[in-house]
Amino acid sequence: MRTANKSAGEKTKAVIRQTALELFRGHGFEVTTMRDIARAAKVATGAAYYYFPSKEAIVAAYYDQVQRLHVERVRGELKGKTGLRERLGVVMHSKLEILKDDRMFLGALFRYTGDPEHPLSVFGEGTEPQRSQSVAIFQEAITGTNVSEELRQLLPWALWLGHLAMILVLLYDQTEGQQRTHKLVDGMLDLLTQFVELTSSALLRPFVQAFQTKMLGMLREAGWTAGI
């Protein structure tokens, strides 16, 4: 009986989440209310609040869903790929493909980026779990490549910031399949891999190490790198 009840509860929660996302995509995040979501999902408003105490909680669940899907795709596509440029391309392009149909919805959420107290700010405390998961994907992608020890800690965070910039470009990209953004990603990764190759020289390593120490210190002060 408990299993059956748990299964029914999980299904109801999934229906509420999916219904909410459809409303956010079609009508906008700001104007959609929990009552609207409950009505469209054909559940009581109290039931909607039972599973999700707020619209922000639904978006947090969406973020988690995106991260899970991204990990699955990346790990599947990274098999057999050993080059840094190729592996980073998998991570970046697969994330854009996952998000491309939610550009209008994500655009509404990006306005909270500058509010550190908002639970949906990508730099805030509320999104720390998803931020760490995203950085970990980049860390996994560079594992086993020719990235020096000096860059191994810093590079995943730099890539995470870079991928945020690419997502912002994606929101405004009206080209077919958002190819303009994908081309921009390719250009950025070409420059990055050239930089990594350049800094692998013994002559530049001391400078890279000093730069890394400074940047990691700044990230720690910002509260982003508790795990390193």
C-alpha atoms as a PDB file:
ATOM      1  CA  MET A   1       0.000   0.000   0.000  1.00  0.00           C
ATOM      2  CA  ARG A   2       2.807   2.407   0.889  1.00  0.00           C
ATOM      3  CA  THR A   3       4.503   1.724  -2.449  1.00  0.00           C
ATOM      4  CA  ALA A   4       1.274   2.369  -4.303  1.00  0.00           C
ATOM      5  CA  ASN A   5       0.675   5.611  -2.395  1.00  0.00           C
ATOM      6  CA  LYS A   6       4.241   6.740  -2.979  1.00  0.00           C
ATOM      7  CA  SER A   7       3.915   6.000  -6.679  1.00  0.00           C
ATOM      8  CA  ALA A   8       0.650   7.943  -6.907  1.00  0.00           C
ATOM      9  CA  GLY A   9       2.239  10.852  -5.059  1.00  0.00           C
ATOM     10  CA  GLU A  10       5.251  10.894  -7.365  1.00  0.00           C
ATOM     11  CA  LYS A  11       2.961  10.875 -10.400  1.00  0.00           C
ATOM     12  CA  THR A  12       0.933  13.775  -9.023  1.00  0.00           C
ATOM     13  CA  LYS A  13       4.099  15.722  -8.297  1.00  0.00           C
ATOM     14  CA  ALA A  14       5.384  15.076 -11.814  1.00  0.00           C
ATOM     15  CA  VAL A  15       2.070  16.232 -13.329  1.00  0.00           C
ATOM     16  CA  ILE A  16       2.148  19.440 -11.295  1.00  0.00           C
ATOM     17  CA  ARG A  17       5.759  20.126 -12.276  1.00  0.00           C
ATOM     18  CA  GLN A  18       5.181  19.470 -15.976  1.00  0.00           C
ATOM     19  CA  THR A  19       1.965  21.492 -16.038  1.00  0.00           C
ATOM     20  CA  ALA A  20       3.694  24.409 -14.353  1.00  0.00           C
ATOM     21  CA  LEU A  21       6.544  24.359 -16.851  1.00  0.00           C
ATOM     22  CA  GLU A  22       4.079  24.377 -19.746  1.00  0.00           C
ATOM     23  CA  LEU A  23       2.319  27.395 -18.238  1.00  0.00           C
ATOM     24  CA  PHE A  24       5.625  29.165 -17.591  1.00  0.00           C
ATOM     25  CA  ARG A  25       6.625  28.560 -21.208  1.00  0.00           C
ATOM     26  CA  GLY A  26       3.291  29.614 -22.671  1.00  0.00           C
ATOM     27  CA  HIS A  27       2.189  32.458 -20.404  1.00  0.00           C
ATOM     28  CA  GLY A  28       5.299  33.496 -18.514  1.00  0.00           C
ATOM     29  CA  PHE A  29       6.663  32.859 -15.061  1.00  0.00           C
ATOM     30  CA  GLU A  30       5.576  36.109 -13.447  1.00  0.00           C
ATOM     31  CA  VAL A  31       1.886  35.993 -14.354  1.00  0.00           C
ATOM     32  CA  THR A  32       1.376  32.291 -13.632  1.00  0.00           C
ATOM     33  CA  THR A  33       0.083  31.591 -10.128  1.00  0.00           C
ATOM     34  CA  MET A  34       0.032  28.423  -8.039  1.00  0.00           C
ATOM     35  CA  ARG A  35      -3.759  28.491  -8.388  1.00  0.00           C
ATOM     36  CA  ASP A  36      -3.374  28.527 -12.180  1.00  0.00           C
ATOM     37  CA  ILE A  37      -1.022  25.562 -11.973  1.00  0.00           C
ATOM     38  CA  ALA A  38      -3.354  23.579  -9.702  1.00  0.00           C
ATOM     39  CA  ARG A  39      -6.343  24.268 -11.949  1.00  0.00           C
ATOM     40  CA  ALA A  40      -4.487  23.217 -15.110  1.00  0.00           C
ATOM     41  CA  ALA A  41      -3.095  20.102 -13.392  1.00  0.00           C
ATOM     42  CA  LYS A  42      -6.617  19.239 -12.106  1.00  0.00           C
ATOM     43  CA  VAL A  43      -5.541  19.080  -8.479  1.00  0.00           C
ATOM     44  CA  ALA A  44      -6.550  21.065  -5.418  1.00  0.00           C
ATOM     45  CA  THR A  45      -4.550  24.214  -4.765  1.00  0.00           C
ATOM     46  CA  GLY A  46      -3.587  22.767  -1.387  1.00  0.00           C
ATOM     47  CA  ALA A  47      -2.198  19.685  -3.113  1.00  0.00           C
ATOM     48  CA  ALA A  48      -0.036  21.839  -5.374  1.00  0.00           C
ATOM     49  CA  TYR A  49       1.370  23.644  -2.338  1.00  0.00           C
ATOM     50  CA  TYR A  50       1.906  20.307  -0.589  1.00  0.00           C
ATOM     51  CA  TYR A  51       4.319  19.154  -3.302  1.00  0.00           C
ATOM     52  CA  PHE A  52       5.766  22.571  -4.157  1.00  0.00           C
ATOM     53  CA  PRO A  53       5.585  25.384  -1.589  1.00  0.00           C
ATOM     54  CA  SER A  54       6.133  28.002  -4.300  1.00  0.00           C
ATOM     55  CA  LYS A  55       6.669  28.586  -8.013  1.00  0.00           C
ATOM     56  CA  GLU A  56      10.352  28.971  -7.235  1.00  0.00           C
ATOM     57  CA  ALA A  57      10.396  25.440  -5.831  1.00  0.00           C
ATOM     58  CA  ILE A  58       9.021  24.157  -9.144  1.00  0.00           C
ATOM     59  CA  VAL A  59      11.754  25.975 -11.048  1.00  0.00           C
ATOM     60  CA  ALA A  60      14.360  24.501  -8.673  1.00  0.00           C
ATOM     61  CA  ALA A  61      12.998  21.061  -9.551  1.00  0.00           C
ATOM     62  CA  TYR A  62      13.305  22.001 -13.232  1.00  0.00           C
ATOM     63  CA  TYR A  63      16.937  22.983 -12.673  1.00  0.00           C
ATOM     64  CA  ASP A  64      17.537  19.579 -11.073  1.00  0.00           C
ATOM     65  CA  GLN A  65      15.864  17.864 -14.024  1.00  0.00           C
ATOM     66  CA  VAL A  66      18.070  19.756 -16.482  1.00  0.00           C
ATOM     67  CA  GLN A  67      21.193  18.789 -14.539  1.00  0.00           C
ATOM     68  CA  ARG A  68      20.240  15.107 -14.472  1.00  0.00           C
ATOM     69  CA  LEU A  69      19.524  15.076 -18.199  1.00  0.00           C
ATOM     70  CA  HIS A  70      22.761  16.911 -18.922  1.00  0.00           C
ATOM     71  CA  VAL A  71      24.828  14.417 -16.919  1.00  0.00           C
ATOM     72  CA  GLU A  72      23.198  11.485 -18.705  1.00  0.00           C
ATOM     73  CA  ARG A  73      23.839  12.938 -22.147  1.00  0.00           C
ATOM     74  CA  VAL A  74      27.384  14.047 -21.413  1.00  0.00           C
ATOM     75  CA  ARG A  75      28.467  10.739 -19.941  1.00  0.00           C
ATOM     76  CA  GLY A  76      27.009   8.873 -22.879  1.00  0.00           C
ATOM     77  CA  GLU A  77      28.619  11.124 -25.495  1.00  0.00           C
ATOM     78  CA  LEU A  78      32.016  11.402 -23.797  1.00  0.00           C
ATOM     79  CA  LYS A  79      32.718   7.697 -24.197  1.00  0.00           C
ATOM     80  CA  GLY A  80      35.616   7.220 -26.579  1.00  0.00           C
ATOM     81  CA  LYS A  81      36.474  10.922 -26.691  1.00  0.00           C
ATOM     82  CA  THR A  82      39.857  11.894 -25.236  1.00  0.00           C
ATOM     83  CA  GLY A  83      40.705  15.356 -26.602  1.00  0.00           C
ATOM     84  CA  LEU A  84      39.978  18.393 -24.437  1.00  0.00           C
ATOM     85  CA  ARG A  85      38.374  20.389 -27.260  1.00  0.00           C
ATOM     86  CA  GLU A  86      36.107  17.512 -28.234  1.00  0.00           C
ATOM     87  CA  ARG A  87      35.059  16.734 -24.664  1.00  0.00           C
ATOM     88  CA  LEU A  88      34.263  20.332 -23.788  1.00  0.00           C
ATOM     89  CA  GLY A  89      32.266  20.630 -27.003  1.00  0.00           C
ATOM     90  CA  VAL A  90      30.070  17.764 -25.838  1.00  0.00           C
ATOM     91  CA  VAL A  91      29.360  19.480 -22.521  1.00  0.00           C
ATOM     92  CA  MET A  92      28.633  22.909 -23.974  1.00  0.00           C
ATOM     93  CA  HIS A  93      26.582  21.934 -27.010  1.00  0.00           C
ATOM     94  CA  SER A  94      24.483  19.345 -25.184  1.00  0.00           C
ATOM     95  CA  LYS A  95      23.501  21.935 -22.552  1.00  0.00           C
ATOM     96  CA  LEU A  96      22.380  24.368 -25.243  1.00  0.00           C
ATOM     97  CA  GLU A  97      20.329  21.663 -26.935  1.00  0.00           C
ATOM     98  CA  ILE A  98      18.577  20.836 -23.674  1.00  0.00           C
ATOM     99  CA  LEU A  99      17.675  24.481 -23.032  1.00  0.00           C
ATOM    100  CA  LYS A 100      16.898  25.740 -26.528  1.00  0.00           C
ATOM    101  CA  ASP A 101      13.113  25.272 -26.295  1.00  0.00           C
ATOM    102  CA  ASP A 102      12.940  27.098 -22.950  1.00  0.00           C
ATOM    103  CA  ARG A 103      14.564  30.339 -24.036  1.00  0.00           C
ATOM    104  CA  MET A 104      11.573  32.578 -23.276  1.00  0.00           C
ATOM    105  CA  PHE A 105      11.027  30.942 -19.900  1.00  0.00           C
ATOM    106  CA  LEU A 106      14.709  31.166 -18.966  1.00  0.00           C
ATOM    107  CA  GLY A 107      14.820  34.780 -20.076  1.00  0.00           C
ATOM    108  CA  ALA A 108      12.267  35.616 -17.390  1.00  0.00           C
ATOM    109  CA  LEU A 109      14.398  33.858 -14.779  1.00  0.00           C
ATOM    110  CA  PHE A 110      17.644  35.599 -15.728  1.00  0.00           C
ATOM    111  CA  ARG A 111      16.296  38.857 -14.283  1.00  0.00           C
ATOM    112  CA  TYR A 112      16.896  37.409 -10.812  1.00  0.00           C
ATOM    113  CA  THR A 113      20.618  36.931 -11.441  1.00  0.00           C
ATOM    114  CA  GLY A 114      21.470  40.275  -9.890  1.00  0.00           C
ATOM    115  CA  ASP A 115      19.499  39.599  -6.704  1.00  0.00           C
ATOM    116  CA  PRO A 116      21.703  37.487  -4.394  1.00  0.00           C
ATOM    117  CA  GLU A 117      18.784  36.914  -2.007  1.00  0.00           C
ATOM    118  CA  HIS A 118      16.458  35.471  -4.636  1.00  0.00           C
ATOM    119  CA  PRO A 119      16.262  31.655  -4.528  1.00  0.00           C
ATOM    120  CA  LEU A 120      16.563  31.436  -8.319  1.00  0.00           C
ATOM    121  CA  SER A 121      19.651  33.620  -8.732  1.00  0.00           C
ATOM    122  CA  VAL A 122      22.330  31.537 -10.485  1.00  0.00           C
ATOM    123  CA  PHE A 123      24.907  33.100  -8.151  1.00  0.00           C
ATOM    124  CA  GLY A 124      22.861  32.798  -4.970  1.00  0.00           C
ATOM    125  CA  GLU A 125      22.776  30.333  -2.115  1.00  0.00           C
ATOM    126  CA  GLY A 126      19.526  28.801  -3.329  1.00  0.00           C
ATOM    127  CA  THR A 127      21.102  27.422  -6.507  1.00  0.00           C
ATOM    128  CA  GLU A 128      24.357  26.231  -4.939  1.00  0.00           C
ATOM    129  CA  PRO A 129      23.558  22.492  -5.427  1.00  0.00           C
ATOM    130  CA  GLN A 130      22.833  22.930  -9.131  1.00  0.00           C
ATOM    131  CA  ARG A 131      25.860  25.195  -9.549  1.00  0.00           C
ATOM    132  CA  SER A 132      28.139  22.595  -7.979  1.00  0.00           C
ATOM    133  CA  GLN A 133      26.660  19.846 -10.164  1.00  0.00           C
ATOM    134  CA  SER A 134      27.240  21.892 -13.282  1.00  0.00           C
ATOM    135  CA  VAL A 135      30.854  22.630 -12.330  1.00  0.00           C
ATOM    136  CA  ALA A 136      31.364  18.920 -11.598  1.00  0.00           C
ATOM    137  CA  ILE A 137      30.337  18.075 -15.173  1.00  0.00           C
ATOM    138  CA  PHE A 138      33.086  20.326 -16.506  1.00  0.00           C
ATOM    139  CA  GLN A 139      35.515  18.809 -14.020  1.00  0.00           C
ATOM    140  CA  GLU A 140      34.639  15.357 -15.323  1.00  0.00           C
ATOM    141  CA  ALA A 141      35.112  16.501 -18.911  1.00  0.00           C
ATOM    142  CA  ILE A 142      38.685  17.675 -18.347  1.00  0.00           C
ATOM    143  CA  THR A 143      39.693  14.590 -16.364  1.00  0.00           C
ATOM    144  CA  GLY A 144      42.265  12.566 -18.287  1.00  0.00           C
ATOM    145  CA  THR A 145      43.087  15.374 -20.718  1.00  0.00           C
ATOM    146  CA  ASN A 146      46.283  17.398 -21.025  1.00  0.00           C
ATOM    147  CA  VAL A 147      45.132  20.159 -18.668  1.00  0.00           C
ATOM    148  CA  SER A 148      47.918  21.055 -16.248  1.00  0.00           C
ATOM    149  CA  GLU A 149      47.561  20.699 -12.509  1.00  0.00           C
ATOM    150  CA  GLU A 150      47.684  24.486 -12.234  1.00  0.00           C
ATOM    151  CA  LEU A 151      44.470  24.821 -14.250  1.00  0.00           C
ATOM    152  CA  ARG A 152      42.623  21.706 -13.147  1.00  0.00           C
ATOM    153  CA  GLN A 153      40.875  23.441 -10.260  1.00  0.00           C
ATOM    154  CA  LEU A 154      40.216  26.797 -11.869  1.00  0.00           C
ATOM    155  CA  LEU A 155      39.152  25.749 -15.351  1.00  0.00           C
ATOM    156  CA  PRO A 156      35.811  24.096 -14.418  1.00  0.00           C
ATOM    157  CA  TRP A 157      34.670  27.319 -12.759  1.00  0.00           C
ATOM    158  CA  ALA A 158      35.823  29.408 -15.695  1.00  0.00           C
ATOM    159  CA  LEU A 159      33.921  27.076 -18.016  1.00  0.00           C
ATOM    160  CA  TRP A 160      30.821  27.337 -15.852  1.00  0.00           C
ATOM    161  CA  LEU A 161      30.909  31.129 -16.102  1.00  0.00           C
ATOM    162  CA  GLY A 162      31.517  30.868 -19.838  1.00  0.00           C
ATOM    163  CA  HIS A 163      28.568  28.536 -20.294  1.00  0.00           C
ATOM    164  CA  LEU A 164      26.331  31.053 -18.487  1.00  0.00           C
ATOM    165  CA  ALA A 165      27.384  33.660 -21.029  1.00  0.00           C
ATOM    166  CA  MET A 166      26.551  31.268 -23.863  1.00  0.00           C
ATOM    167  CA  ILE A 167      23.107  30.591 -22.365  1.00  0.00           C
ATOM    168  CA  LEU A 168      22.484  34.331 -22.261  1.00  0.00           C
ATOM    169  CA  VAL A 169      23.415  34.563 -25.948  1.00  0.00           C
ATOM    170  CA  LEU A 170      21.100  31.623 -26.636  1.00  0.00           C
ATOM    171  CA  LEU A 171      18.136  33.532 -25.211  1.00  0.00           C
ATOM    172  CA  TYR A 172      18.461  36.174 -27.928  1.00  0.00           C
ATOM    173  CA  ASP A 173      19.458  33.872 -30.778  1.00  0.00           C
ATOM    174  CA  GLN A 174      16.710  33.729 -33.425  1.00  0.00           C
ATOM    175  CA  THR A 175      18.755  31.809 -36.003  1.00  0.00           C
ATOM    176  CA  GLU A 176      17.583  28.370 -37.062  1.00  0.00           C
ATOM    177  CA  GLY A 177      18.559  25.826 -34.433  1.00  0.00           C
ATOM    178  CA  GLN A 178      20.347  28.659 -32.625  1.00  0.00           C
ATOM    179  CA  GLN A 179      23.377  27.961 -34.813  1.00  0.00           C
ATOM    180  CA  ARG A 180      24.856  31.380 -34.102  1.00  0.00           C
ATOM    181  CA  THR A 181      25.269  30.453 -30.444  1.00  0.00           C
ATOM    182  CA  HIS A 182      26.737  27.053 -31.301  1.00  0.00           C
ATOM    183  CA  LYS A 183      29.283  28.712 -33.591  1.00  0.00           C
ATOM    184  CA  LEU A 184      30.182  31.163 -30.845  1.00  0.00           C
ATOM    185  CA  VAL A 185      30.731  28.236 -28.470  1.00  0.00           C
ATOM    186  CA  ASP A 186      33.041  26.589 -31.000  1.00  0.00           C
ATOM    187  CA  GLY A 187      35.069  29.779 -31.332  1.00  0.00           C
ATOM    188  CA  MET A 188      35.332  30.174 -27.568  1.00  0.00           C
ATOM    189  CA  LEU A 189      36.471  26.565 -27.126  1.00  0.00           C
ATOM    190  CA  ASP A 190      39.055  26.915 -29.912  1.00  0.00           C
ATOM    191  CA  LEU A 191      40.589  29.892 -28.111  1.00  0.00           C
ATOM    192  CA  LEU A 192      40.410  28.158 -24.764  1.00  0.00           C
ATOM    193  CA  THR A 193      42.189  25.011 -25.901  1.00  0.00           C
ATOM    194  CA  GLN A 194      44.899  27.131 -27.529  1.00  0.00           C
ATOM    195  CA  PHE A 195      45.312  28.944 -24.216  1.00  0.00           C
ATOM    196  CA  VAL A 196      45.573  25.631 -22.326  1.00  0.00           C
ATOM    197  CA  GLU A 197      48.236  24.408 -24.723  1.00  0.00           C
ATOM    198  CA  LEU A 198      50.163  27.674 -24.363  1.00  0.00           C
ATOM    199  CA  THR A 199      50.089  27.606 -20.566  1.00  0.00           C
ATOM    200  CA  SER A 200      51.350  24.033 -20.441  1.00  0.00           C
ATOM    201  CA  SER A 201      54.866  25.276 -21.224  1.00  0.00           C
ATOM    202  CA  ALA A 202      57.359  25.256 -18.356  1.00  0.00           C
ATOM    203  CA  LEU A 203      58.061  28.941 -18.979  1.00  0.00           C
ATOM    204  CA  LEU A 204      54.496  30.055 -18.291  1.00  0.00           C
ATOM    205  CA  ARG A 205      53.507  27.616 -15.558  1.00  0.00           C
ATOM    206  CA  PRO A 206      54.714  29.801 -12.644  1.00  0.00           C
ATOM    207  CA  PHE A 207      52.589  32.684 -13.924  1.00  0.00           C
ATOM    208  CA  VAL A 208      49.584  30.396 -14.423  1.00  0.00           C
ATOM    209  CA  GLN A 209      49.926  29.056 -10.907  1.00  0.00           C
ATOM    210  CA  ALA A 210      49.966  32.557  -9.423  1.00  0.00           C
ATOM    211  CA  PHE A 211      46.952  33.528 -11.522  1.00  0.00           C
ATOM    212  CA  GLN A 212      45.095  30.400 -10.442  1.00  0.00           C
ATOM    213  CA  THR A 213      45.795  31.041  -6.763  1.00  0.00           C
ATOM    214  CA  LYS A 214      44.478  34.584  -7.048  1.00  0.00           C
ATOM    215  CA  MET A 215      41.328  33.564  -8.945  1.00  0.00           C
ATOM    216  CA  LEU A 216      40.526  30.662  -6.637  1.00  0.00           C
ATOM    217  CA  GLY A 217      40.875  33.006  -3.684  1.00  0.00           C
ATOM    218  CA  MET A 218      38.383  35.385  -5.264  1.00  0.00           C
ATOM    219  CA  LEU A 219      35.921  32.572  -5.960  1.00  0.00           C
ATOM    220  CA  ARG A 220      36.227  31.291  -2.400  1.00  0.00           C
ATOM    221  CA  GLU A 221      35.519  34.778  -1.067  1.00  0.00           C
ATOM    222  CA  ALA A 222      32.418  34.840  -3.246  1.00  0.00           C
ATOM    223  CA  GLY A 223      31.349  31.571  -1.630  1.00  0.00           C
ATOM    224  CA  TRP A 224      31.292  29.557  -4.861  1.00  0.00           C
ATOM    225  CA  THR A 225      34.080  27.072  -4.331  1.00  0.00           C
ATOM    226  CA  ALA A 226      33.390  25.445  -0.994  1.00  0.00           C
ATOM    227  CA  GLY A 227      34.222  22.078  -2.470  1.00  0.00           C
ATOM    228  CA  ILE A 228      37.815  22.881  -3.522  1.00  0.00           C
END
